[in-house]
Amino acid sequence: MTTVTAQTVPTGAGDARVIWHPAARPRLVLALGHGAGGGVEARDLQALARVLPGHGVTVALVEQPWRVAGRKVAPAPKTLDTGWRGIWPAVAEPGLPVISGGRSAGARVACRTAGELGAHAVLALGFPLHPPGRPEKSRAAELLGAGVPTLVVQGGNDTFGRPAEFPEGVYELVEVPYGDHGLAVPKRAAIGQEEALEIVTSAVVRWTASLGHRPPG
């Protein structure tokens, strides 16, 4: 059994924290950032950190500097990008291809910075396609501009963008039926919460297996 470790990483936005969930025989690193309304304790991030190491993927859960500092409100997108750029050398240090990922605001960061950082792929959990009730304020350009293989995992009832609202593009989308923005499902839904999380982890396991072994850089 591998040991979970935490690493403090200085960035241009302050100190970030990387929580490592290592695979015994890693072939990929999956770096996952959190959203603007929560941290790495999010149910989907924790589920992936439990499951993926058993499939050869080391998971690095990344706490942005504003969370490490104890602030309750996320800073501007450019500051989030600065924090993400700062942690990249740490997650790339094992010398393996790195998937850049996150949920909500973290997914946007991953998409915006994928090209410049040389990400192997992007995992977008609960991508906030638009603010609730404001479909005209689309962020589709960020998603479509990632420039690398991308998987979107979206709740069927996500008010930040339901699956049917997403434009066609060079990405794969997996729907979590009944799921909200946090991929929580109602108690009366036809599937339970554990089943919903299994949809997430199974999709990511399959997708990471399909990515191949292109070397970093």
C-alpha atoms as a PDB file:
ATOM      1  CA  MET A   1       0.000   0.000   0.000  1.00  0.00           C
ATOM      2  CA  THR A   2       1.388   3.394  -1.006  1.00  0.00           C
ATOM      3  CA  THR A   3       1.526   6.374   1.350  1.00  0.00           C
ATOM      4  CA  VAL A   4      -0.324   9.655   0.815  1.00  0.00           C
ATOM      5  CA  THR A   5       2.018  12.626   1.229  1.00  0.00           C
ATOM      6  CA  ALA A   6       1.597  16.410   1.158  1.00  0.00           C
ATOM      7  CA  GLN A   7       4.030  18.807  -0.484  1.00  0.00           C
ATOM      8  CA  THR A   8       4.110  22.596  -0.121  1.00  0.00           C
ATOM      9  CA  VAL A   9       4.933  24.289  -3.426  1.00  0.00           C
ATOM     10  CA  PRO A  10       5.746  28.018  -3.685  1.00  0.00           C
ATOM     11  CA  THR A  11       3.999  29.776  -6.597  1.00  0.00           C
ATOM     12  CA  GLY A  12       3.648  33.319  -7.831  1.00  0.00           C
ATOM     13  CA  ALA A  13       0.255  33.441  -6.076  1.00  0.00           C
ATOM     14  CA  GLY A  14       1.500  32.081  -2.724  1.00  0.00           C
ATOM     15  CA  ASP A  15       2.129  28.616  -1.367  1.00  0.00           C
ATOM     16  CA  ALA A  16       0.071  25.794  -2.879  1.00  0.00           C
ATOM     17  CA  ARG A  17      -0.244  22.267  -1.513  1.00  0.00           C
ATOM     18  CA  VAL A  18       0.013  19.067  -3.539  1.00  0.00           C
ATOM     19  CA  ILE A  19      -1.407  15.927  -1.931  1.00  0.00           C
ATOM     20  CA  TRP A  20       0.081  12.878  -3.606  1.00  0.00           C
ATOM     21  CA  HIS A  21      -1.815   9.603  -4.005  1.00  0.00           C
ATOM     22  CA  PRO A  22       0.859   7.515  -5.740  1.00  0.00           C
ATOM     23  CA  ALA A  23       0.399   4.488  -7.935  1.00  0.00           C
ATOM     24  CA  ALA A  24       2.702   1.547  -7.296  1.00  0.00           C
ATOM     25  CA  ARG A  25       3.643   1.391 -10.986  1.00  0.00           C
ATOM     26  CA  PRO A  26       2.687   4.792 -12.387  1.00  0.00           C
ATOM     27  CA  ARG A  27       2.438   5.505 -16.094  1.00  0.00           C
ATOM     28  CA  LEU A  28       0.633   8.857 -15.816  1.00  0.00           C
ATOM     29  CA  VAL A  29       0.163  11.680 -13.318  1.00  0.00           C
ATOM     30  CA  LEU A  30      -3.298  13.236 -12.964  1.00  0.00           C
ATOM     31  CA  ALA A  31      -3.130  16.695 -11.386  1.00  0.00           C
ATOM     32  CA  LEU A  32      -6.553  17.786 -10.108  1.00  0.00           C
ATOM     33  CA  GLY A  33      -7.512  21.280  -8.986  1.00  0.00           C
ATOM     34  CA  HIS A  34     -10.609  22.166  -6.985  1.00  0.00           C
ATOM     35  CA  GLY A  35     -13.413  24.611  -7.641  1.00  0.00           C
ATOM     36  CA  ALA A  36     -14.042  28.145  -6.431  1.00  0.00           C
ATOM     37  CA  GLY A  37     -16.534  27.033  -3.803  1.00  0.00           C
ATOM     38  CA  GLY A  38     -14.645  24.178  -2.171  1.00  0.00           C
ATOM     39  CA  GLY A  39     -11.408  22.260  -1.903  1.00  0.00           C
ATOM     40  CA  VAL A  40      -9.900  18.892  -2.631  1.00  0.00           C
ATOM     41  CA  GLU A  41     -12.428  17.217  -0.343  1.00  0.00           C
ATOM     42  CA  ALA A  42     -14.934  17.285  -3.240  1.00  0.00           C
ATOM     43  CA  ARG A  43     -16.533  13.858  -3.711  1.00  0.00           C
ATOM     44  CA  ASP A  44     -15.360  13.320  -7.263  1.00  0.00           C
ATOM     45  CA  LEU A  45     -11.767  14.359  -6.552  1.00  0.00           C
ATOM     46  CA  GLN A  46     -11.597  12.053  -3.554  1.00  0.00           C
ATOM     47  CA  ALA A  47     -13.122   9.152  -5.506  1.00  0.00           C
ATOM     48  CA  LEU A  48     -10.550   9.517  -8.263  1.00  0.00           C
ATOM     49  CA  ALA A  49      -7.719   9.716  -5.723  1.00  0.00           C
ATOM     50  CA  ARG A  50      -8.909   6.407  -4.254  1.00  0.00           C
ATOM     51  CA  VAL A  51      -9.426   4.530  -7.521  1.00  0.00           C
ATOM     52  CA  LEU A  52      -6.923   5.771 -10.110  1.00  0.00           C
ATOM     53  CA  PRO A  53      -3.680   4.727  -8.364  1.00  0.00           C
ATOM     54  CA  GLY A  54      -4.833   1.117  -8.693  1.00  0.00           C
ATOM     55  CA  HIS A  55      -4.833   1.633 -12.465  1.00  0.00           C
ATOM     56  CA  GLY A  56      -1.352   3.052 -12.843  1.00  0.00           C
ATOM     57  CA  VAL A  57      -2.256   6.730 -12.449  1.00  0.00           C
ATOM     58  CA  THR A  58      -0.683   8.772  -9.660  1.00  0.00           C
ATOM     59  CA  VAL A  59      -3.173  11.426  -8.505  1.00  0.00           C
ATOM     60  CA  ALA A  60      -1.946  14.812  -7.303  1.00  0.00           C
ATOM     61  CA  LEU A  61      -4.716  16.798  -5.593  1.00  0.00           C
ATOM     62  CA  VAL A  62      -3.779  20.468  -5.763  1.00  0.00           C
ATOM     63  CA  GLU A  63      -4.922  23.053  -3.219  1.00  0.00           C
ATOM     64  CA  GLN A  64      -4.661  26.511  -4.703  1.00  0.00           C
ATOM     65  CA  PRO A  65      -2.812  29.137  -2.614  1.00  0.00           C
ATOM     66  CA  TRP A  66      -5.994  30.958  -1.631  1.00  0.00           C
ATOM     67  CA  ARG A  67      -7.306  27.803   0.047  1.00  0.00           C
ATOM     68  CA  VAL A  68      -3.989  27.058   1.713  1.00  0.00           C
ATOM     69  CA  ALA A  69      -4.026  30.599   3.120  1.00  0.00           C
ATOM     70  CA  GLY A  70      -7.492  30.053   4.575  1.00  0.00           C
ATOM     71  CA  ARG A  71      -9.332  32.540   2.373  1.00  0.00           C
ATOM     72  CA  LYS A  72     -12.954  31.807   1.535  1.00  0.00           C
ATOM     73  CA  VAL A  73     -13.253  33.561  -1.826  1.00  0.00           C
ATOM     74  CA  ALA A  74     -11.349  32.502  -4.921  1.00  0.00           C
ATOM     75  CA  PRO A  75      -9.247  35.149  -6.686  1.00  0.00           C
ATOM     76  CA  ALA A  76      -9.471  36.193 -10.341  1.00  0.00           C
ATOM     77  CA  PRO A  77      -8.915  33.570 -13.058  1.00  0.00           C
ATOM     78  CA  LYS A  78      -5.471  34.930 -13.934  1.00  0.00           C
ATOM     79  CA  THR A  79      -4.365  34.400 -10.312  1.00  0.00           C
ATOM     80  CA  LEU A  80      -5.675  30.827 -10.388  1.00  0.00           C
ATOM     81  CA  ASP A  81      -3.686  30.266 -13.583  1.00  0.00           C
ATOM     82  CA  THR A  82      -0.567  31.652 -11.873  1.00  0.00           C
ATOM     83  CA  GLY A  83      -0.988  29.176  -9.018  1.00  0.00           C
ATOM     84  CA  TRP A  84      -1.451  26.298 -11.463  1.00  0.00           C
ATOM     85  CA  ARG A  85       1.619  27.237 -13.474  1.00  0.00           C
ATOM     86  CA  GLY A  86       3.575  27.323 -10.225  1.00  0.00           C
ATOM     87  CA  ILE A  87       2.695  23.753  -9.225  1.00  0.00           C
ATOM     88  CA  TRP A  88       3.355  22.305 -12.669  1.00  0.00           C
ATOM     89  CA  PRO A  89       7.082  21.604 -12.208  1.00  0.00           C
ATOM     90  CA  ALA A  90       6.227  19.617  -9.053  1.00  0.00           C
ATOM     91  CA  VAL A  91       3.613  17.422 -10.753  1.00  0.00           C
ATOM     92  CA  ALA A  92       5.859  16.977 -13.793  1.00  0.00           C
ATOM     93  CA  GLU A  93       8.903  16.088 -11.667  1.00  0.00           C
ATOM     94  CA  PRO A  94       8.247  12.309 -11.722  1.00  0.00           C
ATOM     95  CA  GLY A  95       8.981  12.479 -15.453  1.00  0.00           C
ATOM     96  CA  LEU A  96       5.641  11.011 -16.543  1.00  0.00           C
ATOM     97  CA  PRO A  97       3.006  12.478 -18.873  1.00  0.00           C
ATOM     98  CA  VAL A  98       0.739  14.780 -16.849  1.00  0.00           C
ATOM     99  CA  ILE A  99      -3.018  15.064 -17.311  1.00  0.00           C
ATOM    100  CA  SER A 100      -4.165  18.522 -16.252  1.00  0.00           C
ATOM    101  CA  GLY A 101      -7.552  18.390 -14.585  1.00  0.00           C
ATOM    102  CA  GLY A 102      -9.939  19.848 -12.093  1.00  0.00           C
ATOM    103  CA  ARG A 103     -13.503  20.503 -11.195  1.00  0.00           C
ATOM    104  CA  SER A 104     -15.469  23.651 -12.047  1.00  0.00           C
ATOM    105  CA  ALA A 105     -13.076  26.627 -11.859  1.00  0.00           C
ATOM    106  CA  GLY A 106     -10.225  24.126 -11.700  1.00  0.00           C
ATOM    107  CA  ALA A 107     -11.391  22.626 -14.990  1.00  0.00           C
ATOM    108  CA  ARG A 108     -11.302  26.070 -16.587  1.00  0.00           C
ATOM    109  CA  VAL A 109      -7.735  26.584 -15.339  1.00  0.00           C
ATOM    110  CA  ALA A 110      -6.702  23.217 -16.784  1.00  0.00           C
ATOM    111  CA  CYS A 111      -8.173  24.086 -20.179  1.00  0.00           C
ATOM    112  CA  ARG A 112      -6.690  27.579 -20.306  1.00  0.00           C
ATOM    113  CA  THR A 113      -3.160  26.467 -19.466  1.00  0.00           C
ATOM    114  CA  ALA A 114      -2.949  23.031 -21.123  1.00  0.00           C
ATOM    115  CA  GLY A 115      -1.132  24.157 -24.238  1.00  0.00           C
ATOM    116  CA  GLU A 116       1.513  26.311 -22.614  1.00  0.00           C
ATOM    117  CA  LEU A 117       2.275  23.748 -19.910  1.00  0.00           C
ATOM    118  CA  GLY A 118       2.501  20.790 -22.273  1.00  0.00           C
ATOM    119  CA  ALA A 119      -0.329  18.803 -20.667  1.00  0.00           C
ATOM    120  CA  HIS A 120      -0.806  15.283 -22.023  1.00  0.00           C
ATOM    121  CA  ALA A 121      -4.609  15.659 -21.793  1.00  0.00           C
ATOM    122  CA  VAL A 122      -7.315  17.513 -19.839  1.00  0.00           C
ATOM    123  CA  LEU A 123      -9.957  16.151 -17.465  1.00  0.00           C
ATOM    124  CA  ALA A 124     -12.821  18.590 -16.851  1.00  0.00           C
ATOM    125  CA  LEU A 125     -15.185  17.676 -14.004  1.00  0.00           C
ATOM    126  CA  GLY A 126     -18.320  19.786 -13.871  1.00  0.00           C
ATOM    127  CA  PHE A 127     -17.090  22.270 -16.462  1.00  0.00           C
ATOM    128  CA  PRO A 128     -18.954  25.563 -15.802  1.00  0.00           C
ATOM    129  CA  LEU A 129     -20.062  26.229 -19.360  1.00  0.00           C
ATOM    130  CA  HIS A 130     -21.901  29.377 -18.233  1.00  0.00           C
ATOM    131  CA  PRO A 131     -23.121  31.004 -15.015  1.00  0.00           C
ATOM    132  CA  PRO A 132     -26.483  29.577 -13.896  1.00  0.00           C
ATOM    133  CA  GLY A 133     -29.292  31.114 -15.925  1.00  0.00           C
ATOM    134  CA  ARG A 134     -26.863  32.966 -18.207  1.00  0.00           C
ATOM    135  CA  PRO A 135     -26.275  30.714 -21.211  1.00  0.00           C
ATOM    136  CA  GLU A 136     -25.242  33.736 -23.286  1.00  0.00           C
ATOM    137  CA  LYS A 137     -22.073  34.023 -21.174  1.00  0.00           C
ATOM    138  CA  SER A 138     -20.534  30.891 -22.634  1.00  0.00           C
ATOM    139  CA  ARG A 139     -17.056  29.665 -21.703  1.00  0.00           C
ATOM    140  CA  ALA A 140     -17.032  27.104 -24.502  1.00  0.00           C
ATOM    141  CA  ALA A 141     -13.983  28.753 -26.065  1.00  0.00           C
ATOM    142  CA  GLU A 142     -11.875  27.738 -23.067  1.00  0.00           C
ATOM    143  CA  LEU A 143     -12.942  24.121 -23.388  1.00  0.00           C
ATOM    144  CA  LEU A 144     -12.557  23.994 -27.151  1.00  0.00           C
ATOM    145  CA  GLY A 145      -9.177  25.705 -26.939  1.00  0.00           C
ATOM    146  CA  ALA A 146      -7.497  23.129 -24.699  1.00  0.00           C
ATOM    147  CA  GLY A 147      -5.746  21.632 -27.719  1.00  0.00           C
ATOM    148  CA  VAL A 148      -5.211  18.164 -26.217  1.00  0.00           C
ATOM    149  CA  PRO A 149      -7.436  15.093 -25.677  1.00  0.00           C
ATOM    150  CA  THR A 150     -10.152  16.194 -23.255  1.00  0.00           C
ATOM    151  CA  LEU A 151     -12.754  14.358 -21.210  1.00  0.00           C
ATOM    152  CA  VAL A 152     -15.704  16.264 -19.722  1.00  0.00           C
ATOM    153  CA  VAL A 153     -17.683  14.597 -16.920  1.00  0.00           C
ATOM    154  CA  GLN A 154     -20.911  16.537 -16.423  1.00  0.00           C
ATOM    155  CA  GLY A 155     -23.962  16.174 -14.234  1.00  0.00           C
ATOM    156  CA  GLY A 156     -27.227  15.751 -16.114  1.00  0.00           C
ATOM    157  CA  ASN A 157     -28.812  18.520 -14.025  1.00  0.00           C
ATOM    158  CA  ASP A 158     -25.832  20.854 -13.766  1.00  0.00           C
ATOM    159  CA  THR A 159     -27.169  24.423 -13.776  1.00  0.00           C
ATOM    160  CA  PHE A 160     -23.748  25.624 -14.980  1.00  0.00           C
ATOM    161  CA  GLY A 161     -24.311  23.682 -18.196  1.00  0.00           C
ATOM    162  CA  ARG A 162     -26.264  20.510 -18.872  1.00  0.00           C
ATOM    163  CA  PRO A 163     -24.722  18.011 -21.291  1.00  0.00           C
ATOM    164  CA  ALA A 164     -27.149  18.897 -24.098  1.00  0.00           C
ATOM    165  CA  GLU A 165     -25.958  22.530 -23.953  1.00  0.00           C
ATOM    166  CA  PHE A 166     -22.362  21.691 -24.810  1.00  0.00           C
ATOM    167  CA  PRO A 167     -21.252  22.439 -28.371  1.00  0.00           C
ATOM    168  CA  GLU A 168     -19.828  19.760 -30.580  1.00  0.00           C
ATOM    169  CA  GLY A 169     -16.077  19.709 -30.364  1.00  0.00           C
ATOM    170  CA  VAL A 170     -12.891  17.730 -30.093  1.00  0.00           C
ATOM    171  CA  TYR A 171     -13.619  16.304 -26.645  1.00  0.00           C
ATOM    172  CA  GLU A 172     -15.483  13.409 -25.091  1.00  0.00           C
ATOM    173  CA  LEU A 173     -18.401  14.001 -22.713  1.00  0.00           C
ATOM    174  CA  VAL A 174     -19.711  11.549 -20.124  1.00  0.00           C
ATOM    175  CA  GLU A 175     -22.985  12.336 -18.365  1.00  0.00           C
ATOM    176  CA  VAL A 176     -23.670  11.505 -14.747  1.00  0.00           C
ATOM    177  CA  PRO A 177     -27.488  11.099 -14.746  1.00  0.00           C
ATOM    178  CA  TYR A 178     -29.345  13.343 -12.280  1.00  0.00           C
ATOM    179  CA  GLY A 179     -26.068  14.873 -11.072  1.00  0.00           C
ATOM    180  CA  ASP A 180     -25.839  18.520 -10.088  1.00  0.00           C
ATOM    181  CA  HIS A 181     -22.766  20.754 -10.408  1.00  0.00           C
ATOM    182  CA  GLY A 182     -21.040  18.827  -7.616  1.00  0.00           C
ATOM    183  CA  LEU A 183     -22.165  15.512  -9.171  1.00  0.00           C
ATOM    184  CA  ALA A 184     -24.494  14.917  -6.223  1.00  0.00           C
ATOM    185  CA  VAL A 185     -27.681  13.014  -7.073  1.00  0.00           C
ATOM    186  CA  PRO A 186     -31.071  13.448  -5.335  1.00  0.00           C
ATOM    187  CA  LYS A 187     -32.161  10.757  -2.894  1.00  0.00           C
ATOM    188  CA  ARG A 188     -35.098   9.884  -5.132  1.00  0.00           C
ATOM    189  CA  ALA A 189     -32.952   9.481  -8.250  1.00  0.00           C
ATOM    190  CA  ALA A 190     -32.822   6.160 -10.064  1.00  0.00           C
ATOM    191  CA  ILE A 191     -29.158   5.836  -9.138  1.00  0.00           C
ATOM    192  CA  GLY A 192     -27.459   6.313  -5.776  1.00  0.00           C
ATOM    193  CA  GLN A 193     -24.476   8.506  -4.951  1.00  0.00           C
ATOM    194  CA  GLU A 194     -21.996   5.637  -4.981  1.00  0.00           C
ATOM    195  CA  GLU A 195     -23.250   4.528  -8.379  1.00  0.00           C
ATOM    196  CA  ALA A 196     -22.883   8.075  -9.662  1.00  0.00           C
ATOM    197  CA  LEU A 197     -19.274   8.195  -8.468  1.00  0.00           C
ATOM    198  CA  GLU A 198     -18.622   4.833 -10.064  1.00  0.00           C
ATOM    199  CA  ILE A 199     -19.734   6.305 -13.389  1.00  0.00           C
ATOM    200  CA  VAL A 200     -17.105   9.019 -12.891  1.00  0.00           C
ATOM    201  CA  THR A 201     -14.253   6.733 -11.895  1.00  0.00           C
ATOM    202  CA  SER A 202     -15.031   4.086 -14.519  1.00  0.00           C
ATOM    203  CA  ALA A 203     -15.112   6.707 -17.265  1.00  0.00           C
ATOM    204  CA  VAL A 204     -11.778   8.184 -16.181  1.00  0.00           C
ATOM    205  CA  VAL A 205     -10.137   4.759 -15.818  1.00  0.00           C
ATOM    206  CA  ARG A 206     -11.232   3.846 -19.348  1.00  0.00           C
ATOM    207  CA  TRP A 207     -10.202   7.206 -20.775  1.00  0.00           C
ATOM    208  CA  THR A 208      -6.759   7.241 -19.174  1.00  0.00           C
ATOM    209  CA  ALA A 209      -6.161   3.718 -20.481  1.00  0.00           C
ATOM    210  CA  SER A 210      -6.903   5.002 -24.001  1.00  0.00           C
ATOM    211  CA  LEU A 211      -4.421   7.868 -23.860  1.00  0.00           C
ATOM    212  CA  GLY A 212      -1.336   5.809 -24.589  1.00  0.00           C
ATOM    213  CA  HIS A 213       2.136   6.453 -23.315  1.00  0.00           C
ATOM    214  CA  ARG A 214       3.383   9.504 -25.221  1.00  0.00           C
ATOM    215  CA  PRO A 215       6.426  10.825 -23.320  1.00  0.00           C
ATOM    216  CA  PRO A 216       6.157  14.268 -21.665  1.00  0.00           C
ATOM    217  CA  GLY A 217       7.241  17.336 -23.586  1.00  0.00           C
END
